[in-house]
């Protein structure tokens, strides 16, 4: 992975948006839903977003956003 689309990682607005995305996915992950495999998509979204923050890759942030929707 390389540094791409850094505008998705920099700036106060994007940082707030990233924080809200991770917080909402964490909330969905904590819900005790009786549906099998209901926690998989939020967990993958958090993993993609964490990986994007570590590697500073904005493309992976956009993939995490797509899993959020």
N, C-alpha and C. Protein backbone atom coordinates (compact mmCIF):
# COMPACT_ATOMS: atom_id res chain seq x y z
N UNK A 1 0.83 -1.17 0.00
CA UNK A 1 0.00 0.00 0.00
C UNK A 1 0.88 1.24 0.00
N UNK A 2 0.40 2.26 -0.64
CA UNK A 2 1.15 3.50 -0.68
C UNK A 2 0.25 4.66 -0.32
N UNK A 3 0.84 5.82 -0.14
CA UNK A 3 0.09 7.01 0.27
C UNK A 3 -0.68 7.54 -0.93
N UNK A 4 -2.00 7.43 -0.88
CA UNK A 4 -2.86 7.93 -1.94
C UNK A 4 -4.00 8.70 -1.32
N UNK A 5 -4.53 9.64 -2.05
CA UNK A 5 -5.72 10.41 -1.66
C UNK A 5 -5.60 10.90 -0.22
N UNK A 6 -4.57 11.62 0.06
CA UNK A 6 -4.33 12.09 1.43
C UNK A 6 -5.37 13.09 1.91
N UNK A 7 -6.15 13.68 0.99
CA UNK A 7 -7.18 14.61 1.43
C UNK A 7 -8.26 13.91 2.24
N UNK A 8 -8.38 12.59 2.13
CA UNK A 8 -9.36 11.83 2.94
C UNK A 8 -8.88 11.63 4.38
N UNK A 9 -7.62 11.90 4.63
CA UNK A 9 -7.05 11.69 5.95
C UNK A 9 -6.70 12.98 6.66
N UNK A 10 -6.55 14.06 5.91
CA UNK A 10 -6.11 15.32 6.49
C UNK A 10 -7.29 16.28 6.62
N UNK A 11 -7.14 17.23 7.46
CA UNK A 11 -8.17 18.24 7.64
C UNK A 11 -9.11 17.88 8.78
N UNK A 12 -9.62 18.92 9.40
CA UNK A 12 -10.47 18.72 10.57
C UNK A 12 -11.80 18.05 10.23
N UNK A 13 -12.40 18.44 9.10
CA UNK A 13 -13.68 17.87 8.70
C UNK A 13 -13.59 16.38 8.40
N UNK A 14 -12.54 15.99 7.69
CA UNK A 14 -12.38 14.57 7.37
C UNK A 14 -12.06 13.75 8.62
N UNK A 15 -11.28 14.33 9.52
CA UNK A 15 -10.99 13.60 10.77
C UNK A 15 -12.26 13.39 11.58
N UNK A 16 -13.13 14.39 11.62
CA UNK A 16 -14.40 14.26 12.33
C UNK A 16 -15.29 13.22 11.66
N UNK A 17 -15.32 13.23 10.33
CA UNK A 17 -16.11 12.25 9.59
C UNK A 17 -15.59 10.84 9.84
N UNK A 18 -14.28 10.67 9.85
CA UNK A 18 -13.68 9.36 10.11
C UNK A 18 -14.00 8.90 11.53
N UNK A 19 -13.96 9.82 12.48
CA UNK A 19 -14.29 9.48 13.86
C UNK A 19 -15.75 9.03 13.98
N UNK A 20 -16.65 9.75 13.34
CA UNK A 20 -18.07 9.39 13.40
C UNK A 20 -18.34 8.04 12.72
N UNK A 21 -17.61 7.77 11.64
CA UNK A 21 -17.78 6.49 10.96
C UNK A 21 -17.35 5.33 11.86
N UNK A 22 -16.19 5.46 12.48
CA UNK A 22 -15.70 4.38 13.34
C UNK A 22 -16.60 4.23 14.56
N UNK A 23 -17.07 5.34 15.11
CA UNK A 23 -17.95 5.28 16.28
C UNK A 23 -19.28 4.61 15.94
N UNK A 24 -19.84 4.93 14.78
CA UNK A 24 -21.11 4.30 14.41
C UNK A 24 -20.93 2.81 14.09
N UNK A 25 -19.81 2.46 13.45
CA UNK A 25 -19.55 1.04 13.20
C UNK A 25 -19.31 0.29 14.50
N UNK A 26 -18.66 0.93 15.46
CA UNK A 26 -18.44 0.29 16.76
C UNK A 26 -19.77 0.09 17.48
N UNK A 27 -20.69 1.06 17.35
CA UNK A 27 -22.02 0.92 17.94
C UNK A 27 -22.76 -0.26 17.31
N UNK A 28 -22.70 -0.37 15.98
CA UNK A 28 -23.34 -1.50 15.31
C UNK A 28 -22.70 -2.83 15.70
N UNK A 29 -21.42 -2.80 15.94
CA UNK A 29 -20.71 -4.02 16.34
C UNK A 29 -21.12 -4.45 17.73
N UNK A 30 -21.45 -3.50 18.59
CA UNK A 30 -21.81 -3.81 19.97
C UNK A 30 -23.28 -4.22 20.14
N UNK A 31 -24.10 -4.00 19.14
CA UNK A 31 -25.51 -4.37 19.25
C UNK A 31 -25.67 -5.90 19.34
N UNK A 32 -26.46 -6.36 20.27
CA UNK A 32 -26.67 -7.82 20.38
C UNK A 32 -27.80 -8.30 19.45
N UNK A 33 -27.54 -8.28 18.17
CA UNK A 33 -28.55 -8.71 17.20
C UNK A 33 -28.56 -10.23 17.09
N UNK A 34 -29.75 -10.84 17.01
CA UNK A 34 -29.82 -12.30 16.92
C UNK A 34 -29.59 -12.83 15.50
N UNK A 35 -29.21 -11.99 14.59
CA UNK A 35 -28.99 -12.39 13.20
C UNK A 35 -27.57 -12.95 13.08
N UNK A 36 -27.43 -14.15 12.52
CA UNK A 36 -26.07 -14.70 12.37
C UNK A 36 -25.21 -13.84 11.45
N UNK A 37 -23.98 -13.70 11.77
CA UNK A 37 -22.96 -12.98 11.01
C UNK A 37 -23.33 -11.50 10.85
N UNK A 38 -24.06 -10.93 11.81
CA UNK A 38 -24.45 -9.52 11.70
C UNK A 38 -23.32 -8.57 12.08
N UNK A 39 -22.30 -9.06 12.73
CA UNK A 39 -21.19 -8.21 13.15
C UNK A 39 -20.04 -8.20 12.16
N UNK A 40 -20.15 -8.95 11.10
CA UNK A 40 -19.03 -9.09 10.17
C UNK A 40 -18.76 -7.81 9.40
N UNK A 41 -19.79 -7.20 8.83
CA UNK A 41 -19.59 -6.01 8.00
C UNK A 41 -19.05 -4.83 8.83
N UNK A 42 -19.60 -4.53 10.03
CA UNK A 42 -18.98 -3.45 10.81
C UNK A 42 -17.53 -3.75 11.21
N UNK A 43 -17.24 -5.00 11.50
CA UNK A 43 -15.86 -5.35 11.88
C UNK A 43 -14.91 -5.18 10.70
N UNK A 44 -15.34 -5.55 9.51
CA UNK A 44 -14.49 -5.37 8.33
C UNK A 44 -14.31 -3.88 8.04
N UNK A 45 -15.37 -3.09 8.22
CA UNK A 45 -15.26 -1.65 8.01
C UNK A 45 -14.27 -1.01 8.97
N UNK A 46 -14.30 -1.40 10.23
CA UNK A 46 -13.35 -0.87 11.21
C UNK A 46 -11.94 -1.33 10.87
N UNK A 47 -11.79 -2.56 10.43
CA UNK A 47 -10.46 -3.06 10.06
C UNK A 47 -9.90 -2.29 8.86
N UNK A 48 -10.74 -2.04 7.84
CA UNK A 48 -10.28 -1.28 6.68
C UNK A 48 -9.89 0.14 7.09
N UNK A 49 -10.69 0.75 7.95
CA UNK A 49 -10.39 2.11 8.36
C UNK A 49 -9.12 2.18 9.20
N UNK A 50 -8.92 1.21 10.07
CA UNK A 50 -7.69 1.17 10.88
C UNK A 50 -6.47 0.98 10.00
N UNK A 51 -6.58 0.10 9.02
CA UNK A 51 -5.48 -0.13 8.09
C UNK A 51 -5.18 1.12 7.28
N UNK A 52 -6.22 1.83 6.88
CA UNK A 52 -6.03 3.07 6.11
C UNK A 52 -5.34 4.13 6.94
N UNK A 53 -5.68 4.23 8.22
CA UNK A 53 -5.03 5.22 9.07
C UNK A 53 -3.56 4.86 9.30
N UNK A 54 -3.27 3.57 9.45
CA UNK A 54 -1.89 3.16 9.68
C UNK A 54 -1.03 3.38 8.45
N UNK A 55 -1.55 3.08 7.28
CA UNK A 55 -0.79 3.17 6.04
C UNK A 55 -0.99 4.48 5.30
N UNK A 56 -1.83 5.37 5.84
CA UNK A 56 -2.13 6.66 5.24
C UNK A 56 -2.59 6.50 3.79
N UNK A 57 -3.60 5.69 3.59
CA UNK A 57 -4.12 5.41 2.26
C UNK A 57 -5.59 5.83 2.21
N UNK A 58 -5.88 6.87 1.46
CA UNK A 58 -7.23 7.39 1.36
C UNK A 58 -8.16 6.50 0.58
N UNK A 59 -7.63 5.69 -0.35
CA UNK A 59 -8.47 4.78 -1.12
C UNK A 59 -9.11 3.75 -0.20
N UNK A 60 -8.37 3.27 0.76
CA UNK A 60 -8.92 2.28 1.70
C UNK A 60 -9.94 2.94 2.62
N UNK A 61 -9.78 4.23 2.91
CA UNK A 61 -10.79 4.95 3.68
C UNK A 61 -12.11 4.97 2.91
N UNK A 62 -12.05 5.20 1.61
CA UNK A 62 -13.26 5.22 0.79
C UNK A 62 -13.90 3.84 0.77
N UNK A 63 -13.11 2.79 0.75
CA UNK A 63 -13.66 1.42 0.83
C UNK A 63 -14.34 1.22 2.16
N UNK A 64 -13.76 1.72 3.23
CA UNK A 64 -14.39 1.64 4.55
C UNK A 64 -15.70 2.40 4.60
N UNK A 65 -15.75 3.57 3.93
CA UNK A 65 -17.00 4.32 3.84
C UNK A 65 -18.07 3.54 3.10
N UNK A 66 -17.67 2.84 2.06
CA UNK A 66 -18.66 2.06 1.30
C UNK A 66 -19.22 0.92 2.14
N UNK A 67 -18.43 0.37 3.05
CA UNK A 67 -18.95 -0.67 3.95
C UNK A 67 -19.84 -0.07 5.03
N UNK A 68 -19.66 1.22 5.31
CA UNK A 68 -20.48 1.90 6.30
C UNK A 68 -21.89 2.11 5.79
N UNK A 69 -22.02 2.35 4.48
CA UNK A 69 -23.34 2.59 3.89
C UNK A 69 -24.03 1.28 3.73
